[in-house]
Amino acid sequence: MFSNRLRELRKQKGLTQMELAKLLNCSLSKIAMLETDKRDPVKEDLLRFSEILMYPLIIF
Protein backbone atom coordinates (compact mmCIF):
# COMPACT_ATOMS: atom_id res chain seq x y z
CA MET A 1 0.00 0.00 0.00
CA PHE A 2 1.39 3.39 -1.00
CA SER A 3 0.65 5.12 2.31
CA ASN A 4 2.64 2.59 4.34
CA ARG A 5 5.50 2.60 1.84
CA LEU A 6 5.75 6.39 1.87
CA ARG A 7 5.84 6.51 5.68
CA GLU A 8 8.43 3.73 5.84
CA LEU A 9 10.73 5.31 3.25
CA ARG A 10 10.40 8.79 4.78
CA LYS A 11 11.40 7.42 8.18
CA GLN A 12 14.31 5.48 6.68
CA LYS A 13 15.64 8.80 5.41
CA GLY A 14 15.20 10.31 8.88
CA LEU A 15 12.68 12.92 7.74
CA THR A 16 9.64 14.22 9.55
CA GLN A 17 6.43 14.85 7.64
CA MET A 18 7.15 18.59 7.87
CA GLU A 19 10.67 18.19 6.48
CA LEU A 20 9.39 16.12 3.57
CA ALA A 21 6.64 18.65 2.88
CA LYS A 22 9.23 21.44 2.72
CA LEU A 23 11.44 19.44 0.35
CA LEU A 24 8.45 18.78 -1.89
CA ASN A 25 7.12 22.32 -1.57
CA CYS A 26 3.72 21.07 -0.45
CA SER A 27 1.62 21.22 2.69
CA LEU A 28 2.05 19.10 5.78
CA SER A 29 -1.61 18.11 5.47
CA LYS A 30 -0.97 16.66 2.00
CA ILE A 31 1.81 14.43 3.35
CA ALA A 32 -0.36 13.39 6.30
CA MET A 33 -3.30 12.55 4.02
CA LEU A 34 -1.06 10.53 1.69
CA GLU A 35 0.39 8.60 4.65
CA THR A 36 -3.04 7.84 6.09
CA ASP A 37 -4.52 6.76 2.75
CA LYS A 38 -6.96 9.70 2.70
CA ARG A 39 -5.52 10.97 -0.57
CA ASP A 40 -4.15 9.18 -3.61
CA PRO A 41 -0.88 10.36 -5.13
CA VAL A 42 -0.84 11.73 -8.65
CA LYS A 43 1.91 10.88 -11.12
CA GLU A 44 3.83 14.08 -10.35
CA ASP A 45 3.80 13.23 -6.62
CA LEU A 46 5.32 9.83 -7.31
CA LEU A 47 8.05 11.34 -9.46
CA ARG A 48 8.93 13.90 -6.78
CA PHE A 49 8.96 11.29 -3.99
CA SER A 50 11.30 9.16 -6.06
CA GLU A 51 13.59 12.12 -6.69
CA ILE A 52 13.61 13.56 -3.15
CA LEU A 53 13.82 10.25 -1.27
CA MET A 54 16.29 8.82 -3.82
CA TYR A 55 14.44 5.56 -4.44
CA PRO A 56 13.51 4.12 -7.84
CA LEU A 57 10.00 5.02 -8.96
CA ILE A 58 9.01 1.35 -9.05
CA ILE A 59 9.27 1.16 -5.24
CA PHE A 60 6.27 3.44 -4.89
PDB file of N, CA and C in Angstrom:
ATOM      1  N   MET A   1       0.849  -1.176   0.000  1.00  0.00           N
ATOM      2  CA  MET A   1       0.000   0.000   0.000  1.00  0.00           C
ATOM      3  C   MET A   1       0.901   1.249   0.000  1.00  0.00           C
ATOM      4  N   PHE A   2       0.564   2.202  -0.843  1.00  0.00           N
ATOM      5  CA  PHE A   2       1.394   3.392  -1.000  1.00  0.00           C
ATOM      6  C   PHE A   2       1.602   4.140   0.314  1.00  0.00           C
ATOM      7  N   SER A   3       0.544   4.321   1.085  1.00  0.00           N
ATOM      8  CA  SER A   3       0.650   5.118   2.312  1.00  0.00           C
ATOM      9  C   SER A   3       1.688   4.536   3.273  1.00  0.00           C
ATOM     10  N   ASN A   4       1.667   3.230   3.445  1.00  0.00           N
ATOM     11  CA  ASN A   4       2.640   2.588   4.336  1.00  0.00           C
ATOM     12  C   ASN A   4       4.054   2.696   3.788  1.00  0.00           C
ATOM     13  N   ARG A   5       4.180   2.526   2.475  1.00  0.00           N
ATOM     14  CA  ARG A   5       5.498   2.596   1.839  1.00  0.00           C
ATOM     15  C   ARG A   5       6.083   3.993   1.990  1.00  0.00           C
ATOM     16  N   LEU A   6       5.272   5.015   1.753  1.00  0.00           N
ATOM     17  CA  LEU A   6       5.753   6.390   1.874  1.00  0.00           C
ATOM     18  C   LEU A   6       6.242   6.663   3.293  1.00  0.00           C
ATOM     19  N   ARG A   7       5.460   6.295   4.283  1.00  0.00           N
ATOM     20  CA  ARG A   7       5.836   6.513   5.684  1.00  0.00           C
ATOM     21  C   ARG A   7       7.147   5.791   6.007  1.00  0.00           C
ATOM     22  N   GLU A   8       7.238   4.544   5.583  1.00  0.00           N
ATOM     23  CA  GLU A   8       8.430   3.730   5.841  1.00  0.00           C
ATOM     24  C   GLU A   8       9.680   4.349   5.203  1.00  0.00           C
ATOM     25  N   LEU A   9       9.579   4.746   3.953  1.00  0.00           N
ATOM     26  CA  LEU A   9      10.734   5.309   3.248  1.00  0.00           C
ATOM     27  C   LEU A   9      11.122   6.676   3.808  1.00  0.00           C
ATOM     28  N   ARG A  10      10.125   7.470   4.177  1.00  0.00           N
ATOM     29  CA  ARG A  10      10.404   8.787   4.781  1.00  0.00           C
ATOM     30  C   ARG A  10      11.177   8.607   6.082  1.00  0.00           C
ATOM     31  N   LYS A  11      10.729   7.666   6.903  1.00  0.00           N
ATOM     32  CA  LYS A  11      11.397   7.425   8.182  1.00  0.00           C
ATOM     33  C   LYS A  11      12.799   6.859   7.985  1.00  0.00           C
ATOM     34  N   GLN A  12      12.982   6.016   6.975  1.00  0.00           N
ATOM     35  CA  GLN A  12      14.315   5.479   6.684  1.00  0.00           C
ATOM     36  C   GLN A  12      15.295   6.595   6.351  1.00  0.00           C
ATOM     37  N   LYS A  13      14.796   7.651   5.742  1.00  0.00           N
ATOM     38  CA  LYS A  13      15.640   8.804   5.406  1.00  0.00           C
ATOM     39  C   LYS A  13      15.773   9.772   6.581  1.00  0.00           C
ATOM     40  N   GLY A  14      15.097   9.475   7.693  1.00  0.00           N
ATOM     41  CA  GLY A  14      15.200  10.311   8.880  1.00  0.00           C
ATOM     42  C   GLY A  14      14.475  11.637   8.762  1.00  0.00           C
ATOM     43  N   LEU A  15      13.423  11.676   7.960  1.00  0.00           N
ATOM     44  CA  LEU A  15      12.679  12.915   7.742  1.00  0.00           C
ATOM     45  C   LEU A  15      11.358  12.907   8.494  1.00  0.00           C
ATOM     46  N   THR A  16      10.975  14.062   8.993  1.00  0.00           N
ATOM     47  CA  THR A  16       9.636  14.222   9.547  1.00  0.00           C
ATOM     48  C   THR A  16       8.686  14.531   8.391  1.00  0.00           C
ATOM     49  N   GLN A  17       7.399  14.473   8.673  1.00  0.00           N
ATOM     50  CA  GLN A  17       6.428  14.855   7.645  1.00  0.00           C
ATOM     51  C   GLN A  17       6.649  16.303   7.223  1.00  0.00           C
ATOM     52  N   MET A  18       6.931  17.170   8.172  1.00  0.00           N
ATOM     53  CA  MET A  18       7.145  18.586   7.866  1.00  0.00           C
ATOM     54  C   MET A  18       8.377  18.777   6.982  1.00  0.00           C
ATOM     55  N   GLU A  19       9.450  18.079   7.293  1.00  0.00           N
ATOM     56  CA  GLU A  19      10.668  18.192   6.482  1.00  0.00           C
ATOM     57  C   GLU A  19      10.423  17.719   5.050  1.00  0.00           C
ATOM     58  N   LEU A  20       9.696  16.619   4.909  1.00  0.00           N
ATOM     59  CA  LEU A  20       9.390  16.121   3.573  1.00  0.00           C
ATOM     60  C   LEU A  20       8.499  17.106   2.825  1.00  0.00           C
ATOM     61  N   ALA A  21       7.527  17.660   3.509  1.00  0.00           N
ATOM     62  CA  ALA A  21       6.643  18.647   2.880  1.00  0.00           C
ATOM     63  C   ALA A  21       7.443  19.842   2.366  1.00  0.00           C
ATOM     64  N   LYS A  22       8.399  20.305   3.152  1.00  0.00           N
ATOM     65  CA  LYS A  22       9.227  21.437   2.717  1.00  0.00           C
ATOM     66  C   LYS A  22      10.064  21.074   1.498  1.00  0.00           C
ATOM     67  N   LEU A  23      10.642  19.876   1.495  1.00  0.00           N
ATOM     68  CA  LEU A  23      11.441  19.437   0.349  1.00  0.00           C
ATOM     69  C   LEU A  23      10.602  19.331  -0.925  1.00  0.00           C
ATOM     70  N   LEU A  24       9.346  18.950  -0.755  1.00  0.00           N
ATOM     71  CA  LEU A  24       8.448  18.777  -1.894  1.00  0.00           C
ATOM     72  C   LEU A  24       7.686  20.050  -2.234  1.00  0.00           C
ATOM     73  N   ASN A  25       7.847  21.066  -1.388  1.00  0.00           N
ATOM     74  CA  ASN A  25       7.118  22.320  -1.572  1.00  0.00           C
ATOM     75  C   ASN A  25       5.605  22.077  -1.590  1.00  0.00           C
ATOM     76  N   CYS A  26       5.153  21.334  -0.583  1.00  0.00           N
ATOM     77  CA  CYS A  26       3.718  21.066  -0.451  1.00  0.00           C
ATOM     78  C   CYS A  26       3.342  21.210   1.022  1.00  0.00           C
ATOM     79  N   SER A  27       2.082  21.037   1.318  1.00  0.00           N
ATOM     80  CA  SER A  27       1.618  21.221   2.691  1.00  0.00           C
ATOM     81  C   SER A  27       1.843  19.964   3.537  1.00  0.00           C
ATOM     82  N   LEU A  28       1.952  20.199   4.827  1.00  0.00           N
ATOM     83  CA  LEU A  28       2.050  19.095   5.780  1.00  0.00           C
ATOM     84  C   LEU A  28       0.794  18.235   5.698  1.00  0.00           C
ATOM     85  N   SER A  29      -0.359  18.867   5.529  1.00  0.00           N
ATOM     86  CA  SER A  29      -1.608  18.105   5.474  1.00  0.00           C
ATOM     87  C   SER A  29      -1.634  17.157   4.275  1.00  0.00           C
ATOM     88  N   LYS A  30      -1.025  17.555   3.165  1.00  0.00           N
ATOM     89  CA  LYS A  30      -0.974  16.664   2.000  1.00  0.00           C
ATOM     90  C   LYS A  30      -0.174  15.413   2.328  1.00  0.00           C
ATOM     91  N   ILE A  31       0.981  15.583   2.969  1.00  0.00           N
ATOM     92  CA  ILE A  31       1.806  14.428   3.347  1.00  0.00           C
ATOM     93  C   ILE A  31       1.037  13.545   4.323  1.00  0.00           C
ATOM     94  N   ALA A  32       0.401  14.156   5.308  1.00  0.00           N
ATOM     95  CA  ALA A  32      -0.365  13.394   6.299  1.00  0.00           C
ATOM     96  C   ALA A  32      -1.496  12.612   5.633  1.00  0.00           C
ATOM     97  N   MET A  33      -2.202  13.240   4.703  1.00  0.00           N
ATOM     98  CA  MET A  33      -3.300  12.548   4.018  1.00  0.00           C
ATOM     99  C   MET A  33      -2.787  11.408   3.145  1.00  0.00           C
ATOM    100  N   LEU A  34      -1.643  11.599   2.499  1.00  0.00           N
ATOM    101  CA  LEU A  34      -1.060  10.527   1.694  1.00  0.00           C
ATOM    102  C   LEU A  34      -0.632   9.355   2.573  1.00  0.00           C
ATOM    103  N   GLU A  35      -0.086   9.661   3.746  1.00  0.00           N
ATOM    104  CA  GLU A  35       0.394   8.604   4.647  1.00  0.00           C
ATOM    105  C   GLU A  35      -0.731   7.890   5.384  1.00  0.00           C
ATOM    106  N   THR A  36      -1.907   8.483   5.422  1.00  0.00           N
ATOM    107  CA  THR A  36      -3.041   7.839   6.091  1.00  0.00           C
ATOM    108  C   THR A  36      -4.071   7.332   5.088  1.00  0.00           C
ATOM    109  N   ASP A  37      -3.681   7.296   3.824  1.00  0.00           N
ATOM    110  CA  ASP A  37      -4.523   6.759   2.754  1.00  0.00           C
ATOM    111  C   ASP A  37      -5.818   7.548   2.567  1.00  0.00           C
ATOM    112  N   LYS A  38      -5.791   8.837   2.896  1.00  0.00           N
ATOM    113  CA  LYS A  38      -6.958   9.701   2.700  1.00  0.00           C
ATOM    114  C   LYS A  38      -6.864  10.479   1.394  1.00  0.00           C
ATOM    115  N   ARG A  39      -5.741  10.307   0.710  1.00  0.00           N
ATOM    116  CA  ARG A  39      -5.525  10.973  -0.571  1.00  0.00           C
ATOM    117  C   ARG A  39      -4.637  10.070  -1.416  1.00  0.00           C
ATOM    118  N   ASP A  40      -4.961   9.976  -2.682  1.00  0.00           N
ATOM    119  CA  ASP A  40      -4.147   9.182  -3.605  1.00  0.00           C
ATOM    120  C   ASP A  40      -3.109  10.076  -4.267  1.00  0.00           C
ATOM    121  N   PRO A  41      -1.910   9.557  -4.468  1.00  0.00           N
ATOM    122  CA  PRO A  41      -0.880  10.357  -5.131  1.00  0.00           C
ATOM    123  C   PRO A  41      -1.157  10.461  -6.627  1.00  0.00           C
ATOM    124  N   VAL A  42      -0.780  11.572  -7.193  1.00  0.00           N
ATOM    125  CA  VAL A  42      -0.837  11.727  -8.647  1.00  0.00           C
ATOM    126  C   VAL A  42       0.556  11.412  -9.196  1.00  0.00           C
ATOM    127  N   LYS A  43       0.645  11.261 -10.485  1.00  0.00           N
ATOM    128  CA  LYS A  43       1.906  10.884 -11.123  1.00  0.00           C
ATOM    129  C   LYS A  43       3.052  11.809 -10.720  1.00  0.00           C
ATOM    130  N   GLU A  44       2.789  13.112 -10.696  1.00  0.00           N
ATOM    131  CA  GLU A  44       3.828  14.081 -10.346  1.00  0.00           C
ATOM    132  C   GLU A  44       4.323  13.879  -8.917  1.00  0.00           C
ATOM    133  N   ASP A  45       3.410  13.519  -8.015  1.00  0.00           N
ATOM    134  CA  ASP A  45       3.802  13.234  -6.625  1.00  0.00           C
ATOM    135  C   ASP A  45       4.788  12.072  -6.592  1.00  0.00           C
ATOM    136  N   LEU A  46       4.466  11.016  -7.306  1.00  0.00           N
ATOM    137  CA  LEU A  46       5.325   9.831  -7.314  1.00  0.00           C
ATOM    138  C   LEU A  46       6.711  10.154  -7.850  1.00  0.00           C
ATOM    139  N   LEU A  47       6.755  10.946  -8.901  1.00  0.00           N
ATOM    140  CA  LEU A  47       8.050  11.341  -9.463  1.00  0.00           C
ATOM    141  C   LEU A  47       8.867  12.148  -8.465  1.00  0.00           C
ATOM    142  N   ARG A  48       8.227  13.074  -7.767  1.00  0.00           N
ATOM    143  CA  ARG A  48       8.927  13.902  -6.778  1.00  0.00           C
ATOM    144  C   ARG A  48       9.390  13.067  -5.585  1.00  0.00           C
ATOM    145  N   PHE A  49       8.554  12.150  -5.102  1.00  0.00           N
ATOM    146  CA  PHE A  49       8.959  11.289  -3.991  1.00  0.00           C
ATOM    147  C   PHE A  49      10.183  10.473  -4.379  1.00  0.00           C
ATOM    148  N   SER A  50      10.170   9.937  -5.570  1.00  0.00           N
ATOM    149  CA  SER A  50      11.304   9.156  -6.055  1.00  0.00           C
ATOM    150  C   SER A  50      12.568  10.004  -6.083  1.00  0.00           C
ATOM    151  N   GLU A  51      12.450  11.208  -6.585  1.00  0.00           N
ATOM    152  CA  GLU A  51      13.593  12.118  -6.693  1.00  0.00           C
ATOM    153  C   GLU A  51      14.106  12.560  -5.322  1.00  0.00           C
ATOM    154  N   ILE A  52      13.228  13.014  -4.465  1.00  0.00           N
ATOM    155  CA  ILE A  52      13.610  13.556  -3.154  1.00  0.00           C
ATOM    156  C   ILE A  52      14.122  12.460  -2.217  1.00  0.00           C
ATOM    157  N   LEU A  53      13.432  11.325  -2.189  1.00  0.00           N
ATOM    158  CA  LEU A  53      13.820  10.252  -1.269  1.00  0.00           C
ATOM    159  C   LEU A  53      14.911   9.355  -1.846  1.00  0.00           C
ATOM    160  N   MET A  54      15.225   9.557  -3.124  1.00  0.00           N
ATOM    161  CA  MET A  54      16.286   8.820  -3.816  1.00  0.00           C
ATOM    162  C   MET A  54      16.035   7.311  -3.841  1.00  0.00           C
ATOM    163  N   TYR A  55      14.819   6.955  -4.224  1.00  0.00           N
ATOM    164  CA  TYR A  55      14.443   5.565  -4.442  1.00  0.00           C
ATOM    165  C   TYR A  55      13.901   5.449  -5.858  1.00  0.00           C
ATOM    166  N   PRO A  56      14.066   4.288  -6.501  1.00  0.00           N
ATOM    167  CA  PRO A  56      13.506   4.125  -7.844  1.00  0.00           C
ATOM    168  C   PRO A  56      11.981   4.263  -7.813  1.00  0.00           C
ATOM    169  N   LEU A  57      11.443   4.788  -8.861  1.00  0.00           N
ATOM    170  CA  LEU A  57       9.999   5.017  -8.956  1.00  0.00           C
ATOM    171  C   LEU A  57       9.202   3.736  -8.738  1.00  0.00           C
ATOM    172  N   ILE A  58       9.729   2.623  -9.164  1.00  0.00           N
ATOM    173  CA  ILE A  58       9.008   1.350  -9.055  1.00  0.00           C
ATOM    174  C   ILE A  58       8.710   0.970  -7.600  1.00  0.00           C
ATOM    175  N   ILE A  59       9.486   1.469  -6.661  1.00  0.00           N
ATOM    176  CA  ILE A  59       9.274   1.163  -5.236  1.00  0.00           C
ATOM    177  C   ILE A  59       7.939   1.711  -4.745  1.00  0.00           C
ATOM    178  N   PHE A  60       7.512   2.811  -5.328  1.00  0.00           N
ATOM    179  CA  PHE A  60       6.272   3.441  -4.885  1.00  0.00           C
ATOM    180  C   PHE A  60       5.077   2.779  -5.532  1.00  0.00           C
TER     181      PHE A  60
END
